[in-house]
Amino acid sequence: MKVPVEISKLKGPDGVEKYKAIISFQDAMADTSQSKKLIQIQDEYAKRISQLQSLWRTIEKNHKNKADSLYQWKLADMIKTLSSFVESEGYFLTNATEALSRDVGISKSQLNYLRKFRDRYPSIDQVSEKINWSKYRELMDFSDDEMRKQCEALIKEGKIKSDGEIRAFKRKMKKGRNL
């Protein structure tokens, strides 16, 4: 069973902010040898947050980068890798969205889209340079995978060109299923 861990940002006596991996008292008492793993998680979290912040600044600096779905996939992959690392140590982040939003400066909504994006496109090779990030965000809102793939194909063929057309396609398809 994985142990829930929360990442907090605390100010030390020296005034320097540090990340702390915190588990419940009950979990700590059940296995007193966890401190080394928790320190490892804290250190890894700090290292990866620094990398995420750097990539996020690169994306935010340039309007073209914001629309680049490959940059967004790389960001999503870094987040997925961080979560996978924590899980490989026998823990899971209870406040991942809140901590990442706080520490990287990405909105919770954006983080949720990035997670969906990485789950639906496990390999960067599946991400098309023909489709910008705003269109992928629209595609993430499809609950039906087949409908999403059909819409994605139409975007690649140039038959759907705008976010509004994606939403219209979604409404049309839902309406057709409800008849």
Protein backbone atom coordinates (compact mmCIF):
# COMPACT_ATOMS: atom_id res chain seq x y z
CA MET A 1 0.00 0.00 0.00
CA LYS A 2 1.32 3.43 -0.95
CA VAL A 3 1.74 5.99 1.82
CA PRO A 4 0.15 9.42 1.29
CA VAL A 5 2.70 12.24 1.32
CA GLU A 6 2.09 15.96 1.16
CA ILE A 7 4.63 18.45 -0.16
CA SER A 8 4.77 21.66 1.86
CA LYS A 9 6.87 24.73 1.39
CA LEU A 10 8.27 25.87 4.73
CA LYS A 11 10.56 28.69 5.73
CA GLY A 12 13.52 27.53 7.79
CA PRO A 13 15.09 29.43 10.71
CA ASP A 14 17.54 30.91 8.20
CA GLY A 15 14.63 32.39 6.21
CA VAL A 16 15.19 30.06 3.25
CA GLU A 17 12.12 28.29 1.87
CA LYS A 18 12.44 24.53 1.50
CA TYR A 19 10.17 21.74 0.38
CA LYS A 20 9.17 19.20 2.99
CA ALA A 21 7.61 15.81 2.36
CA ILE A 22 5.15 15.20 5.18
CA ILE A 23 3.39 11.98 6.16
CA SER A 24 0.92 11.28 8.94
CA PHE A 25 2.14 10.54 12.44
CA GLN A 26 0.49 7.12 12.19
CA ASP A 27 2.42 6.27 8.99
CA ALA A 28 5.66 7.55 10.52
CA MET A 29 5.21 5.40 13.60
CA ALA A 30 4.27 2.32 11.53
CA ASP A 31 7.65 2.48 9.75
CA THR A 32 10.27 4.63 11.44
CA SER A 33 12.81 4.08 8.64
CA GLN A 34 10.99 6.39 6.22
CA SER A 35 13.02 9.54 6.87
CA LYS A 36 15.68 8.72 4.24
CA LYS A 37 13.03 8.12 1.58
CA LEU A 38 11.22 11.33 2.51
CA ILE A 39 14.44 13.33 2.26
CA GLN A 40 15.04 11.73 -1.15
CA ILE A 41 11.53 12.73 -2.24
CA GLN A 42 12.07 16.31 -0.98
CA ASP A 43 15.38 16.59 -2.85
CA GLU A 44 13.99 15.08 -6.04
CA TYR A 45 10.92 17.31 -5.83
CA ALA A 46 13.09 20.43 -5.44
CA LYS A 47 15.28 19.41 -8.40
CA ARG A 48 12.33 18.67 -10.66
CA ILE A 49 10.46 21.81 -9.62
CA SER A 50 13.48 23.82 -10.71
CA GLN A 51 13.39 22.07 -14.12
CA LEU A 52 9.63 22.59 -14.43
CA GLN A 53 9.98 26.28 -13.54
CA SER A 54 12.66 26.70 -16.18
CA LEU A 55 10.58 25.05 -18.90
CA TRP A 56 7.45 26.96 -17.82
CA ARG A 57 9.37 30.28 -18.06
CA THR A 58 10.50 29.31 -21.58
CA ILE A 59 6.90 28.57 -22.55
CA GLU A 60 5.50 31.72 -20.94
CA LYS A 61 8.17 34.00 -22.47
CA ASN A 62 7.08 33.50 -26.04
CA HIS A 63 3.55 33.40 -27.45
CA LYS A 64 4.68 30.84 -30.04
CA ASN A 65 5.94 28.54 -27.27
CA LYS A 66 2.57 28.77 -25.44
CA ALA A 67 0.85 27.36 -28.51
CA ASP A 68 3.50 24.68 -29.11
CA SER A 69 1.96 21.33 -28.17
CA LEU A 70 5.39 19.66 -28.04
CA TYR A 71 6.53 22.05 -25.29
CA GLN A 72 3.31 21.34 -23.43
CA TRP A 73 3.84 17.58 -23.79
CA LYS A 74 7.38 17.91 -22.40
CA LEU A 75 6.01 19.83 -19.43
CA ALA A 76 3.30 17.18 -18.91
CA ASP A 77 5.89 14.43 -19.15
CA MET A 78 8.07 16.06 -16.50
CA ILE A 79 5.04 16.21 -14.17
CA LYS A 80 4.20 12.56 -14.89
CA THR A 81 7.82 11.54 -14.25
CA LEU A 82 7.79 13.33 -10.88
CA SER A 83 4.59 11.53 -9.82
CA SER A 84 5.99 8.21 -11.03
CA PHE A 85 9.17 8.74 -9.02
CA VAL A 86 7.21 9.38 -5.82
CA GLU A 87 5.06 6.30 -6.48
CA SER A 88 8.14 4.16 -7.15
CA GLU A 89 9.30 5.05 -3.64
CA GLY A 90 6.03 3.69 -2.20
CA TYR A 91 4.22 7.02 -1.75
CA PHE A 92 1.66 9.13 -3.57
CA LEU A 93 1.29 12.90 -3.57
CA THR A 94 -1.94 13.92 -1.89
CA ASN A 95 -1.61 17.57 -2.91
CA ALA A 96 0.10 17.28 -6.30
CA THR A 97 -2.09 19.82 -8.08
CA GLU A 98 -1.91 22.38 -5.28
CA ALA A 99 1.85 21.93 -4.75
CA LEU A 100 2.72 22.11 -8.45
CA SER A 101 0.48 25.12 -8.97
CA ARG A 102 2.08 26.88 -6.00
CA ASP A 103 5.68 25.92 -6.82
CA VAL A 104 5.73 26.19 -10.62
CA GLY A 105 3.12 28.90 -11.11
CA ILE A 106 0.84 26.89 -13.39
CA SER A 107 -2.91 27.15 -12.85
CA LYS A 108 -4.71 24.10 -11.48
CA SER A 109 -6.82 24.00 -14.63
CA GLN A 110 -3.71 23.94 -16.84
CA LEU A 111 -2.21 21.17 -14.69
CA ASN A 112 -5.33 19.07 -15.13
CA TYR A 113 -5.20 19.53 -18.91
CA LEU A 114 -1.50 18.62 -18.92
CA ARG A 115 -2.21 15.41 -16.98
CA LYS A 116 -5.01 14.40 -19.34
CA PHE A 117 -2.81 15.26 -22.32
CA ARG A 118 0.09 13.11 -21.11
CA ASP A 119 -2.26 10.21 -20.27
CA ARG A 120 -3.93 10.31 -23.69
CA TYR A 121 -0.65 10.79 -25.57
CA PRO A 122 1.92 8.64 -23.73
CA SER A 123 4.57 9.23 -26.40
CA ILE A 124 5.65 12.58 -27.84
CA ASP A 125 5.54 10.87 -31.25
CA GLN A 126 1.74 10.80 -30.95
CA VAL A 127 1.59 14.60 -30.69
CA SER A 128 1.12 16.41 -33.99
CA GLU A 129 2.92 19.66 -34.70
CA LYS A 130 -0.09 20.53 -36.88
CA ILE A 131 -2.27 20.86 -33.79
CA ASN A 132 -1.58 23.72 -31.41
CA TRP A 133 -2.04 23.58 -27.64
CA SER A 134 -5.43 25.32 -27.56
CA LYS A 135 -6.85 22.68 -29.92
CA TYR A 136 -5.36 19.87 -27.83
CA ARG A 137 -6.99 21.46 -24.77
CA GLU A 138 -10.32 21.33 -26.58
CA LEU A 139 -9.65 17.69 -27.49
CA MET A 140 -8.99 16.88 -23.83
CA ASP A 141 -12.60 17.80 -23.08
CA PHE A 142 -13.93 14.90 -25.18
CA SER A 143 -15.18 12.10 -22.95
CA ASP A 144 -15.52 9.72 -25.91
CA ASP A 145 -12.09 8.59 -27.17
CA GLU A 146 -13.34 7.62 -30.63
CA MET A 147 -15.03 10.98 -31.10
CA ARG A 148 -11.82 12.72 -29.98
CA LYS A 149 -9.73 10.72 -32.46
CA GLN A 150 -12.19 11.49 -35.26
CA CYS A 151 -12.03 15.20 -34.49
CA GLU A 152 -8.23 15.06 -34.27
CA ALA A 153 -8.07 13.49 -37.73
CA LEU A 154 -10.28 16.27 -39.13
CA ILE A 155 -7.97 18.89 -37.60
CA LYS A 156 -4.92 17.22 -39.18
CA GLU A 157 -6.72 17.15 -42.55
CA GLY A 158 -7.47 20.87 -42.24
CA LYS A 159 -11.24 20.32 -42.16
CA ILE A 160 -11.51 21.75 -38.64
CA LYS A 161 -9.49 24.93 -38.19
CA SER A 162 -10.62 26.65 -35.00
CA ASP A 163 -11.39 25.90 -31.37
CA GLY A 164 -14.98 26.97 -32.04
CA GLU A 165 -15.25 24.39 -34.83
CA ILE A 166 -14.02 21.71 -32.42
CA ARG A 167 -16.75 22.66 -29.94
CA ALA A 168 -19.37 22.67 -32.74
CA PHE A 169 -18.19 19.21 -33.84
CA LYS A 170 -18.51 17.97 -30.26
CA ARG A 171 -22.06 19.37 -29.93
CA LYS A 172 -23.06 17.89 -33.28
CA MET A 173 -21.71 14.46 -32.38
CA LYS A 174 -23.38 14.49 -28.95
CA LYS A 175 -26.66 15.56 -30.50
CA GLY A 176 -26.41 12.74 -33.07
CA ARG A 177 -25.87 10.16 -30.33
CA ASN A 178 -28.86 11.40 -28.35
CA LEU A 179 -31.34 11.00 -31.21
